[in-house]
Amino acid sequence: MVSRVEHPAAGYKKIFETVEELNEPIPATITGVIPSWLGGSLLRMGPGQFEVGGEPLNHLFDGQALIHKFDLKNGEVTYYRRFVRTDAYVRAMTENRVVITEFGTAAYPDPCKNIFSRFFTYFKGIEVTDNCLVNIYPIGEDFYAVTETNYITKVDPDSLETLKKVDLCKYLSVNGVTAHPHTEADGTVYNIGNCFGKNMSLAYNIVKIPPAQGDESEPLEKSKVVVQIPSSERLKPSYIHSFGMTDNYFVFVEQPVKINLLKFLSAWSIRGASYMDCFESNDSMGVGWGCTGPLLFLHINTNNNRIFK
């Protein structure tokens, strides 16, 4: 007879729970022994709030960005968390509604506007979220909380204070990048993102951000595109969550999960839709390498020694 143990997050409800930020670090309960020589800080990102104005945020990638910090010192651990003061968070809290469309949740209309005002508002341009709940990594001497759009948010790793919103489009030819870059030992950062060029041409750009140079210049100011890969479909780029990198190669898979740009522009602009509503699958493509599912999410253990055919 097989016994069944119900997981604490049964039904996935646990990961959608809203929490409050902390006013100060609290001591963590430790099971076992942490070596006294082990010290430092561990920073992690995640969603922390799943309701705004009584309305739910529908997807795990939609919750408001919460930064977690674990400090290890002399065998003890303290825990601290704060919400990142992104535009998406501040405006949602101020207006008590979802103001900027997220991955799986469309923005709610402003109740102060009539139907005609709302209609014309849609044509003022698509407002991209800066809800940086996915990851945090260093660029030069600074730390940035990130999602998959062109906006990254500089944060203080000690106080967890939100410092500055940065638009990568000012430095690089990308419309968004992944939240999972690769960082070399010297601090060089590589990432990949979509690029929408002239005449609706599409490409995937691999970008390089150099380490801090010691001359007080911002590494982002010296960033550049190192590889450009054309898209196989003109109006349907593949969704990119990650890529692989070895000592000698970049590994990029143009997968069958596509972003329909016509649907993106029309559905979002006219009737309001989320990012996820504009996804579709080209099942005829496949992804090769023995993959049977339609989605490639994370690359792991990429190396030069094994060749797939």
C-alpha atoms as a PDB file:
ATOM      1  CA  MET A   1       0.000   0.000   0.000  1.00  0.00           C
ATOM      2  CA  VAL A   2       1.371   3.399  -1.020  1.00  0.00           C
ATOM      3  CA  SER A   3       1.023   6.181   1.535  1.00  0.00           C
ATOM      4  CA  ARG A   4       0.257   9.687   0.317  1.00  0.00           C
ATOM      5  CA  VAL A   5       1.655  12.812   1.918  1.00  0.00           C
ATOM      6  CA  GLU A   6       0.020  16.073   0.948  1.00  0.00           C
ATOM      7  CA  HIS A   7       2.546  18.743   0.022  1.00  0.00           C
ATOM      8  CA  PRO A   8       2.187  22.033   1.979  1.00  0.00           C
ATOM      9  CA  ALA A   9       1.721  23.828  -1.364  1.00  0.00           C
ATOM     10  CA  ALA A  10      -0.952  21.414  -2.597  1.00  0.00           C
ATOM     11  CA  GLY A  11      -2.923  22.989  -5.400  1.00  0.00           C
ATOM     12  CA  TYR A  12      -0.127  25.563  -5.772  1.00  0.00           C
ATOM     13  CA  LYS A  13      -2.025  27.903  -3.444  1.00  0.00           C
ATOM     14  CA  LYS A  14       0.978  28.515  -1.208  1.00  0.00           C
ATOM     15  CA  ILE A  15       3.052  30.191  -3.907  1.00  0.00           C
ATOM     16  CA  PHE A  16       0.211  32.631  -4.603  1.00  0.00           C
ATOM     17  CA  GLU A  17      -0.041  33.892  -1.022  1.00  0.00           C
ATOM     18  CA  THR A  18       0.412  37.621  -0.447  1.00  0.00           C
ATOM     19  CA  VAL A  19       2.905  38.578   2.270  1.00  0.00           C
ATOM     20  CA  GLU A  20       3.901  41.815   3.969  1.00  0.00           C
ATOM     21  CA  GLU A  21       7.364  43.310   3.872  1.00  0.00           C
ATOM     22  CA  LEU A  22       9.413  43.492   7.077  1.00  0.00           C
ATOM     23  CA  ASN A  23      10.433  46.630   8.948  1.00  0.00           C
ATOM     24  CA  GLU A  24      13.731  45.078  10.018  1.00  0.00           C
ATOM     25  CA  PRO A  25      15.638  41.782   9.692  1.00  0.00           C
ATOM     26  CA  ILE A  26      14.427  38.892  11.846  1.00  0.00           C
ATOM     27  CA  PRO A  27      16.413  35.875  13.129  1.00  0.00           C
ATOM     28  CA  ALA A  28      15.879  32.673  11.170  1.00  0.00           C
ATOM     29  CA  THR A  29      15.223  29.287  12.736  1.00  0.00           C
ATOM     30  CA  ILE A  30      18.178  27.019  11.958  1.00  0.00           C
ATOM     31  CA  THR A  31      18.048  23.253  11.661  1.00  0.00           C
ATOM     32  CA  GLY A  32      21.495  21.730  11.998  1.00  0.00           C
ATOM     33  CA  VAL A  33      24.720  23.730  12.144  1.00  0.00           C
ATOM     34  CA  ILE A  34      25.961  26.504   9.860  1.00  0.00           C
ATOM     35  CA  PRO A  35      29.785  26.743   9.899  1.00  0.00           C
ATOM     36  CA  SER A  36      30.990  29.897  11.630  1.00  0.00           C
ATOM     37  CA  TRP A  37      33.356  30.620   8.736  1.00  0.00           C
ATOM     38  CA  LEU A  38      30.470  30.815   6.270  1.00  0.00           C
ATOM     39  CA  GLY A  39      29.371  34.417   5.894  1.00  0.00           C
ATOM     40  CA  GLY A  40      27.794  36.797   3.415  1.00  0.00           C
ATOM     41  CA  SER A  41      24.406  37.646   1.968  1.00  0.00           C
ATOM     42  CA  LEU A  42      22.047  35.734  -0.315  1.00  0.00           C
ATOM     43  CA  LEU A  43      19.614  37.810  -2.384  1.00  0.00           C
ATOM     44  CA  ARG A  44      16.594  36.329  -4.128  1.00  0.00           C
ATOM     45  CA  MET A  45      13.607  37.741  -6.026  1.00  0.00           C
ATOM     46  CA  GLY A  46      10.036  36.534  -6.170  1.00  0.00           C
ATOM     47  CA  PRO A  47       6.385  37.605  -6.214  1.00  0.00           C
ATOM     48  CA  GLY A  48       4.969  38.925  -2.943  1.00  0.00           C
ATOM     49  CA  GLN A  49       1.527  40.401  -3.624  1.00  0.00           C
ATOM     50  CA  PHE A  50      -1.203  38.826  -5.739  1.00  0.00           C
ATOM     51  CA  GLU A  51      -4.163  41.155  -5.215  1.00  0.00           C
ATOM     52  CA  VAL A  52      -4.638  44.819  -6.061  1.00  0.00           C
ATOM     53  CA  GLY A  53      -7.889  46.626  -5.345  1.00  0.00           C
ATOM     54  CA  GLY A  54      -9.671  43.363  -4.642  1.00  0.00           C
ATOM     55  CA  GLU A  55      -8.721  41.948  -8.053  1.00  0.00           C
ATOM     56  CA  PRO A  56      -6.332  38.987  -8.433  1.00  0.00           C
ATOM     57  CA  LEU A  57      -3.059  38.891 -10.329  1.00  0.00           C
ATOM     58  CA  ASN A  58      -3.489  35.774 -12.445  1.00  0.00           C
ATOM     59  CA  HIS A  59      -0.010  34.385 -13.049  1.00  0.00           C
ATOM     60  CA  LEU A  60       3.021  33.545 -10.924  1.00  0.00           C
ATOM     61  CA  PHE A  61       4.997  36.089 -12.984  1.00  0.00           C
ATOM     62  CA  ASP A  62       2.480  38.849 -12.143  1.00  0.00           C
ATOM     63  CA  GLY A  63       2.917  39.205  -8.370  1.00  0.00           C
ATOM     64  CA  GLN A  64       4.570  42.427  -7.219  1.00  0.00           C
ATOM     65  CA  ALA A  65       8.358  42.113  -6.950  1.00  0.00           C
ATOM     66  CA  LEU A  66       9.660  41.232  -3.482  1.00  0.00           C
ATOM     67  CA  ILE A  67      13.379  41.069  -2.701  1.00  0.00           C
ATOM     68  CA  HIS A  68      14.556  38.595  -0.046  1.00  0.00           C
ATOM     69  CA  LYS A  69      17.837  38.802   1.850  1.00  0.00           C
ATOM     70  CA  PHE A  70      19.511  36.158   4.019  1.00  0.00           C
ATOM     71  CA  ASP A  71      22.526  37.366   6.026  1.00  0.00           C
ATOM     72  CA  LEU A  72      24.910  34.694   7.353  1.00  0.00           C
ATOM     73  CA  LYS A  73      27.339  35.583  10.154  1.00  0.00           C
ATOM     74  CA  ASN A  74      28.969  33.563  12.947  1.00  0.00           C
ATOM     75  CA  GLY A  75      26.677  30.592  12.406  1.00  0.00           C
ATOM     76  CA  GLU A  76      23.522  32.713  12.611  1.00  0.00           C
ATOM     77  CA  VAL A  77      21.082  33.802   9.882  1.00  0.00           C
ATOM     78  CA  THR A  78      18.777  36.802   9.641  1.00  0.00           C
ATOM     79  CA  TYR A  79      16.034  37.285   7.062  1.00  0.00           C
ATOM     80  CA  TYR A  80      14.705  40.520   5.558  1.00  0.00           C
ATOM     81  CA  ARG A  81      12.338  41.374   2.712  1.00  0.00           C
ATOM     82  CA  ARG A  82      11.022  44.490   0.993  1.00  0.00           C
ATOM     83  CA  PHE A  83       8.893  45.255  -2.026  1.00  0.00           C
ATOM     84  CA  VAL A  84      10.765  46.861  -4.902  1.00  0.00           C
ATOM     85  CA  ARG A  85       9.300  50.322  -5.562  1.00  0.00           C
ATOM     86  CA  THR A  86       8.836  49.843  -9.295  1.00  0.00           C
ATOM     87  CA  ASP A  87       6.453  52.008 -11.301  1.00  0.00           C
ATOM     88  CA  ALA A  88       4.149  48.983 -11.537  1.00  0.00           C
ATOM     89  CA  TYR A  89       4.067  48.651  -7.732  1.00  0.00           C
ATOM     90  CA  VAL A  90       3.858  52.334  -6.789  1.00  0.00           C
ATOM     91  CA  ARG A  91       1.114  53.130  -9.283  1.00  0.00           C
ATOM     92  CA  ALA A  92      -0.872  50.010  -8.383  1.00  0.00           C
ATOM     93  CA  MET A  93      -0.746  50.908  -4.690  1.00  0.00           C
ATOM     94  CA  THR A  94      -1.590  54.555  -5.396  1.00  0.00           C
ATOM     95  CA  GLU A  95      -4.511  53.899  -7.757  1.00  0.00           C
ATOM     96  CA  ASN A  96      -5.630  50.637  -6.106  1.00  0.00           C
ATOM     97  CA  ARG A  97      -5.755  48.758  -9.418  1.00  0.00           C
ATOM     98  CA  VAL A  98      -3.447  46.999 -11.876  1.00  0.00           C
ATOM     99  CA  VAL A  99      -2.188  49.952 -13.920  1.00  0.00           C
ATOM    100  CA  ILE A 100       0.428  48.243 -16.113  1.00  0.00           C
ATOM    101  CA  THR A 101      -0.271  44.973 -17.918  1.00  0.00           C
ATOM    102  CA  GLU A 102       1.686  41.985 -16.613  1.00  0.00           C
ATOM    103  CA  PHE A 103       2.531  38.589 -18.110  1.00  0.00           C
ATOM    104  CA  GLY A 104      -0.862  37.034 -17.389  1.00  0.00           C
ATOM    105  CA  THR A 105      -2.953  39.964 -16.117  1.00  0.00           C
ATOM    106  CA  ALA A 106      -4.228  42.839 -18.247  1.00  0.00           C
ATOM    107  CA  ALA A 107      -4.340  46.319 -16.740  1.00  0.00           C
ATOM    108  CA  TYR A 108      -7.688  47.402 -15.335  1.00  0.00           C
ATOM    109  CA  PRO A 109      -9.276  50.523 -16.877  1.00  0.00           C
ATOM    110  CA  ASP A 110      -9.170  53.783 -14.975  1.00  0.00           C
ATOM    111  CA  PRO A 111     -12.660  54.112 -13.419  1.00  0.00           C
ATOM    112  CA  CYS A 112     -12.365  57.904 -13.631  1.00  0.00           C
ATOM    113  CA  LYS A 113     -12.353  57.798 -17.442  1.00  0.00           C
ATOM    114  CA  ASN A 114     -15.395  57.280 -19.630  1.00  0.00           C
ATOM    115  CA  ILE A 115     -15.461  54.700 -22.422  1.00  0.00           C
ATOM    116  CA  PHE A 116     -14.228  57.164 -25.067  1.00  0.00           C
ATOM    117  CA  SER A 117     -11.270  58.299 -22.960  1.00  0.00           C
ATOM    118  CA  ARG A 118     -10.299  54.687 -22.323  1.00  0.00           C
ATOM    119  CA  PHE A 119     -10.500  53.874 -26.039  1.00  0.00           C
ATOM    120  CA  PHE A 120      -8.148  56.669 -27.077  1.00  0.00           C
ATOM    121  CA  THR A 121      -5.773  55.906 -24.201  1.00  0.00           C
ATOM    122  CA  TYR A 122      -5.008  52.538 -25.806  1.00  0.00           C
ATOM    123  CA  PHE A 123      -3.454  54.313 -28.805  1.00  0.00           C
ATOM    124  CA  LYS A 124      -0.913  56.305 -26.817  1.00  0.00           C
ATOM    125  CA  GLY A 125       1.503  53.391 -26.926  1.00  0.00           C
ATOM    126  CA  ILE A 126       2.062  50.159 -25.070  1.00  0.00           C
ATOM    127  CA  GLU A 127       3.258  50.640 -21.512  1.00  0.00           C
ATOM    128  CA  VAL A 128       5.779  47.947 -20.605  1.00  0.00           C
ATOM    129  CA  THR A 129       6.026  46.620 -17.068  1.00  0.00           C
ATOM    130  CA  ASP A 130       9.086  47.060 -14.855  1.00  0.00           C
ATOM    131  CA  ASN A 131       7.866  44.502 -12.286  1.00  0.00           C
ATOM    132  CA  CYS A 132      11.307  42.954 -11.639  1.00  0.00           C
ATOM    133  CA  LEU A 133      10.287  39.808  -9.743  1.00  0.00           C
ATOM    134  CA  VAL A 134      12.322  37.151 -11.565  1.00  0.00           C
ATOM    135  CA  ASN A 135      16.011  37.552 -10.735  1.00  0.00           C
ATOM    136  CA  ILE A 136      18.749  39.790  -9.345  1.00  0.00           C
ATOM    137  CA  TYR A 137      22.354  39.976 -10.550  1.00  0.00           C
ATOM    138  CA  PRO A 138      25.353  42.337 -10.498  1.00  0.00           C
ATOM    139  CA  ILE A 139      26.394  44.642 -13.313  1.00  0.00           C
ATOM    140  CA  GLY A 140      29.733  46.178 -12.426  1.00  0.00           C
ATOM    141  CA  GLU A 141      29.574  47.177  -8.764  1.00  0.00           C
ATOM    142  CA  ASP A 142      25.778  47.488  -8.686  1.00  0.00           C
ATOM    143  CA  PHE A 143      22.879  45.058  -8.274  1.00  0.00           C
ATOM    144  CA  TYR A 144      19.813  45.019 -10.518  1.00  0.00           C
ATOM    145  CA  ALA A 145      16.455  43.304 -10.040  1.00  0.00           C
ATOM    146  CA  VAL A 146      15.088  42.167 -13.394  1.00  0.00           C
ATOM    147  CA  THR A 147      12.224  40.675 -15.349  1.00  0.00           C
ATOM    148  CA  GLU A 148      12.089  39.968 -19.109  1.00  0.00           C
ATOM    149  CA  THR A 149      11.374  43.461 -20.423  1.00  0.00           C
ATOM    150  CA  ASN A 150      13.755  46.302 -21.262  1.00  0.00           C
ATOM    151  CA  TYR A 151      13.510  47.727 -17.724  1.00  0.00           C
ATOM    152  CA  ILE A 152      15.838  46.742 -14.885  1.00  0.00           C
ATOM    153  CA  THR A 153      15.850  48.241 -11.385  1.00  0.00           C
ATOM    154  CA  LYS A 154      18.953  49.166  -9.406  1.00  0.00           C
ATOM    155  CA  VAL A 155      18.660  48.217  -5.722  1.00  0.00           C
ATOM    156  CA  ASP A 156      20.811  48.613  -2.616  1.00  0.00           C
ATOM    157  CA  PRO A 157      21.948  45.098  -1.578  1.00  0.00           C
ATOM    158  CA  ASP A 158      22.337  46.188   2.059  1.00  0.00           C
ATOM    159  CA  SER A 159      19.147  48.145   2.794  1.00  0.00           C
ATOM    160  CA  LEU A 160      17.105  46.653  -0.115  1.00  0.00           C
ATOM    161  CA  GLU A 161      16.118  50.202  -1.014  1.00  0.00           C
ATOM    162  CA  THR A 162      15.001  50.845  -4.594  1.00  0.00           C
ATOM    163  CA  LEU A 163      17.461  53.237  -6.249  1.00  0.00           C
ATOM    164  CA  LYS A 164      16.833  53.702  -9.968  1.00  0.00           C
ATOM    165  CA  LYS A 165      14.863  52.412 -12.945  1.00  0.00           C
ATOM    166  CA  VAL A 166      17.039  51.799 -16.024  1.00  0.00           C
ATOM    167  CA  ASP A 167      15.863  51.444 -19.634  1.00  0.00           C
ATOM    168  CA  LEU A 168      18.180  49.069 -21.517  1.00  0.00           C
ATOM    169  CA  CYS A 169      16.926  50.450 -24.841  1.00  0.00           C
ATOM    170  CA  LYS A 170      19.046  53.544 -24.160  1.00  0.00           C
ATOM    171  CA  TYR A 171      22.190  51.413 -24.279  1.00  0.00           C
ATOM    172  CA  LEU A 172      21.430  48.372 -26.443  1.00  0.00           C
ATOM    173  CA  SER A 173      19.458  47.388 -29.532  1.00  0.00           C
ATOM    174  CA  VAL A 174      16.980  45.161 -27.689  1.00  0.00           C
ATOM    175  CA  ASN A 175      13.294  45.354 -26.856  1.00  0.00           C
ATOM    176  CA  GLY A 176      13.711  43.089 -23.859  1.00  0.00           C
ATOM    177  CA  VAL A 177      16.206  40.576 -22.466  1.00  0.00           C
ATOM    178  CA  THR A 178      16.017  37.385 -20.444  1.00  0.00           C
ATOM    179  CA  ALA A 179      16.199  37.381 -16.658  1.00  0.00           C
ATOM    180  CA  HIS A 180      18.882  34.665 -16.774  1.00  0.00           C
ATOM    181  CA  PRO A 181      22.159  36.092 -18.104  1.00  0.00           C
ATOM    182  CA  HIS A 182      25.567  34.447 -17.883  1.00  0.00           C
ATOM    183  CA  THR A 183      28.325  36.134 -15.870  1.00  0.00           C
ATOM    184  CA  GLU A 184      32.004  35.362 -16.397  1.00  0.00           C
ATOM    185  CA  ALA A 185      34.615  35.300 -13.628  1.00  0.00           C
ATOM    186  CA  ASP A 186      35.737  38.868 -14.399  1.00  0.00           C
ATOM    187  CA  GLY A 187      32.164  40.208 -14.150  1.00  0.00           C
ATOM    188  CA  THR A 188      31.362  40.339 -17.872  1.00  0.00           C
ATOM    189  CA  VAL A 189      27.628  39.778 -18.403  1.00  0.00           C
ATOM    190  CA  TYR A 190      26.120  38.146 -21.509  1.00  0.00           C
ATOM    191  CA  ASN A 191      22.400  38.110 -22.266  1.00  0.00           C
ATOM    192  CA  ILE A 192      20.008  37.663 -25.189  1.00  0.00           C
ATOM    193  CA  GLY A 193      16.857  39.473 -26.264  1.00  0.00           C
ATOM    194  CA  ASN A 194      14.527  40.260 -29.138  1.00  0.00           C
ATOM    195  CA  CYS A 195      15.209  43.143 -31.479  1.00  0.00           C
ATOM    196  CA  PHE A 196      12.513  44.639 -33.711  1.00  0.00           C
ATOM    197  CA  GLY A 197      14.228  46.415 -36.584  1.00  0.00           C
ATOM    198  CA  LYS A 198      13.264  48.306 -39.719  1.00  0.00           C
ATOM    199  CA  ASN A 199      10.438  47.011 -41.917  1.00  0.00           C
ATOM    200  CA  MET A 200       9.286  44.751 -39.070  1.00  0.00           C
ATOM    201  CA  SER A 201      12.461  42.663 -39.315  1.00  0.00           C
ATOM    202  CA  LEU A 202      13.124  40.519 -36.260  1.00  0.00           C
ATOM    203  CA  ALA A 203      16.328  39.192 -34.745  1.00  0.00           C
ATOM    204  CA  TYR A 204      17.753  37.816 -31.517  1.00  0.00           C
ATOM    205  CA  ASN A 205      20.678  39.867 -30.209  1.00  0.00           C
ATOM    206  CA  ILE A 206      23.272  38.464 -27.823  1.00  0.00           C
ATOM    207  CA  VAL A 207      24.673  41.382 -25.848  1.00  0.00           C
ATOM    208  CA  LYS A 208      27.805  41.902 -23.773  1.00  0.00           C
ATOM    209  CA  ILE A 209      28.079  44.176 -20.734  1.00  0.00           C
ATOM    210  CA  PRO A 210      31.707  44.617 -19.603  1.00  0.00           C
ATOM    211  CA  PRO A 211      32.824  44.548 -15.959  1.00  0.00           C
ATOM    212  CA  ALA A 212      33.581  47.694 -13.966  1.00  0.00           C
ATOM    213  CA  GLN A 213      36.633  49.427 -15.441  1.00  0.00           C
ATOM    214  CA  GLY A 214      37.769  51.513 -12.478  1.00  0.00           C
ATOM    215  CA  ASP A 215      37.265  54.776 -14.376  1.00  0.00           C
ATOM    216  CA  GLU A 216      33.869  55.587 -12.790  1.00  0.00           C
ATOM    217  CA  SER A 217      32.075  54.929 -16.081  1.00  0.00           C
ATOM    218  CA  GLU A 218      28.892  52.860 -16.142  1.00  0.00           C
ATOM    219  CA  PRO A 219      29.399  49.366 -17.632  1.00  0.00           C
ATOM    220  CA  LEU A 220      26.062  49.735 -19.443  1.00  0.00           C
ATOM    221  CA  GLU A 221      27.479  52.683 -21.382  1.00  0.00           C
ATOM    222  CA  LYS A 222      30.058  50.324 -22.918  1.00  0.00           C
ATOM    223  CA  SER A 223      27.673  47.450 -23.630  1.00  0.00           C
ATOM    224  CA  LYS A 224      27.288  46.163 -27.184  1.00  0.00           C
ATOM    225  CA  VAL A 225      25.699  43.528 -29.415  1.00  0.00           C
ATOM    226  CA  VAL A 226      28.148  40.705 -30.180  1.00  0.00           C
ATOM    227  CA  VAL A 227      25.934  38.301 -32.166  1.00  0.00           C
ATOM    228  CA  GLN A 228      22.712  38.803 -34.129  1.00  0.00           C
ATOM    229  CA  ILE A 229      20.582  35.802 -35.127  1.00  0.00           C
ATOM    230  CA  PRO A 230      17.734  36.435 -37.608  1.00  0.00           C
ATOM    231  CA  SER A 231      14.266  35.194 -36.714  1.00  0.00           C
ATOM    232  CA  SER A 232      12.878  32.409 -38.903  1.00  0.00           C
ATOM    233  CA  GLU A 233       9.436  34.069 -38.885  1.00  0.00           C
ATOM    234  CA  ARG A 234       9.034  37.739 -39.648  1.00  0.00           C
ATOM    235  CA  LEU A 235       6.132  38.539 -37.332  1.00  0.00           C
ATOM    236  CA  LYS A 236       6.473  35.745 -34.795  1.00  0.00           C
ATOM    237  CA  PRO A 237       9.659  35.714 -32.709  1.00  0.00           C
ATOM    238  CA  SER A 238      10.195  32.830 -30.325  1.00  0.00           C
ATOM    239  CA  TYR A 239       9.780  33.336 -26.604  1.00  0.00           C
ATOM    240  CA  ILE A 240      13.226  33.307 -24.960  1.00  0.00           C
ATOM    241  CA  HIS A 241      13.508  32.486 -21.276  1.00  0.00           C
ATOM    242  CA  SER A 242      17.189  31.539 -21.246  1.00  0.00           C
ATOM    243  CA  PHE A 243      20.135  30.498 -23.395  1.00  0.00           C
ATOM    244  CA  GLY A 244      23.289  28.452 -22.979  1.00  0.00           C
ATOM    245  CA  MET A 245      26.941  29.486 -22.994  1.00  0.00           C
ATOM    246  CA  THR A 246      30.183  27.507 -22.914  1.00  0.00           C
ATOM    247  CA  ASP A 247      33.808  28.635 -23.112  1.00  0.00           C
ATOM    248  CA  ASN A 248      33.550  28.594 -26.903  1.00  0.00           C
ATOM    249  CA  TYR A 249      29.884  28.782 -27.885  1.00  0.00           C
ATOM    250  CA  PHE A 250      26.535  30.423 -27.325  1.00  0.00           C
ATOM    251  CA  VAL A 251      23.630  27.949 -27.396  1.00  0.00           C
ATOM    252  CA  PHE A 252      20.325  29.341 -28.646  1.00  0.00           C
ATOM    253  CA  VAL A 253      17.220  27.312 -29.493  1.00  0.00           C
ATOM    254  CA  GLU A 254      14.519  29.035 -31.518  1.00  0.00           C
ATOM    255  CA  GLN A 255      11.626  27.177 -29.965  1.00  0.00           C
ATOM    256  CA  PRO A 256       8.035  26.722 -31.226  1.00  0.00           C
ATOM    257  CA  VAL A 257       6.458  28.945 -28.559  1.00  0.00           C
ATOM    258  CA  LYS A 258       5.933  32.179 -30.477  1.00  0.00           C
ATOM    259  CA  ILE A 259       4.873  35.758 -29.768  1.00  0.00           C
ATOM    260  CA  ASN A 260       2.323  36.815 -32.376  1.00  0.00           C
ATOM    261  CA  LEU A 261       3.185  40.482 -32.925  1.00  0.00           C
ATOM    262  CA  LEU A 262       0.013  41.290 -34.861  1.00  0.00           C
ATOM    263  CA  LYS A 263      -2.064  39.873 -32.038  1.00  0.00           C
ATOM    264  CA  PHE A 264       0.169  41.661 -29.552  1.00  0.00           C
ATOM    265  CA  LEU A 265      -0.337  45.071 -31.160  1.00  0.00           C
ATOM    266  CA  SER A 266      -4.026  44.737 -31.996  1.00  0.00           C
ATOM    267  CA  ALA A 267      -5.360  42.809 -29.016  1.00  0.00           C
ATOM    268  CA  TRP A 268      -3.341  44.760 -26.461  1.00  0.00           C
ATOM    269  CA  SER A 269      -3.949  48.183 -27.968  1.00  0.00           C
ATOM    270  CA  ILE A 270      -7.658  47.875 -28.724  1.00  0.00           C
ATOM    271  CA  ARG A 271      -9.281  45.541 -26.201  1.00  0.00           C
ATOM    272  CA  GLY A 272      -6.546  45.008 -23.626  1.00  0.00           C
ATOM    273  CA  ALA A 273      -4.723  41.697 -23.287  1.00  0.00           C
ATOM    274  CA  SER A 274      -1.806  40.248 -21.363  1.00  0.00           C
ATOM    275  CA  TYR A 275       1.527  39.046 -22.724  1.00  0.00           C
ATOM    276  CA  MET A 276       0.376  35.444 -22.373  1.00  0.00           C
ATOM    277  CA  ASP A 277      -2.683  36.077 -24.562  1.00  0.00           C
ATOM    278  CA  CYS A 278      -0.338  36.779 -27.476  1.00  0.00           C
ATOM    279  CA  PHE A 279       1.527  33.468 -27.275  1.00  0.00           C
ATOM    280  CA  GLU A 280       0.935  30.623 -29.694  1.00  0.00           C
ATOM    281  CA  SER A 281       2.686  27.382 -30.575  1.00  0.00           C
ATOM    282  CA  ASN A 282       4.111  26.355 -33.932  1.00  0.00           C
ATOM    283  CA  ASP A 283       3.964  22.605 -33.330  1.00  0.00           C
ATOM    284  CA  SER A 284       5.524  21.827 -36.702  1.00  0.00           C
ATOM    285  CA  MET A 285       8.880  23.257 -35.603  1.00  0.00           C
ATOM    286  CA  GLY A 286       9.878  20.979 -32.740  1.00  0.00           C
ATOM    287  CA  VAL A 287      12.964  21.778 -30.710  1.00  0.00           C
ATOM    288  CA  GLY A 288      15.136  18.747 -31.458  1.00  0.00           C
ATOM    289  CA  TRP A 289      17.578  17.077 -29.057  1.00  0.00           C
ATOM    290  CA  GLY A 290      14.928  14.597 -27.938  1.00  0.00           C
ATOM    291  CA  CYS A 291      12.626  17.257 -26.449  1.00  0.00           C
ATOM    292  CA  THR A 292       8.984  16.194 -26.557  1.00  0.00           C
ATOM    293  CA  GLY A 293       7.330  19.242 -25.001  1.00  0.00           C
ATOM    294  CA  PRO A 294       6.474  22.503 -26.792  1.00  0.00           C
ATOM    295  CA  LEU A 295       8.406  24.759 -24.392  1.00  0.00           C
ATOM    296  CA  LEU A 296      12.107  25.134 -23.635  1.00  0.00           C
ATOM    297  CA  PHE A 297      12.500  27.062 -20.387  1.00  0.00           C
ATOM    298  CA  LEU A 298      15.947  26.731 -18.786  1.00  0.00           C
ATOM    299  CA  HIS A 299      19.374  25.666 -20.060  1.00  0.00           C
ATOM    300  CA  ILE A 300      21.604  23.706 -17.670  1.00  0.00           C
ATOM    301  CA  ASN A 301      25.015  22.026 -17.835  1.00  0.00           C
ATOM    302  CA  THR A 302      26.013  23.465 -21.199  1.00  0.00           C
ATOM    303  CA  ASN A 303      29.527  22.304 -22.095  1.00  0.00           C
ATOM    304  CA  ASN A 304      31.935  21.862 -25.003  1.00  0.00           C
ATOM    305  CA  ASN A 305      32.456  18.121 -24.626  1.00  0.00           C
ATOM    306  CA  ARG A 306      29.160  16.711 -25.828  1.00  0.00           C
ATOM    307  CA  ILE A 307      27.779  17.294 -29.300  1.00  0.00           C
ATOM    308  CA  PHE A 308      24.091  16.704 -30.045  1.00  0.00           C
ATOM    309  CA  LYS A 309      23.025  15.717 -33.554  1.00  0.00           C
END
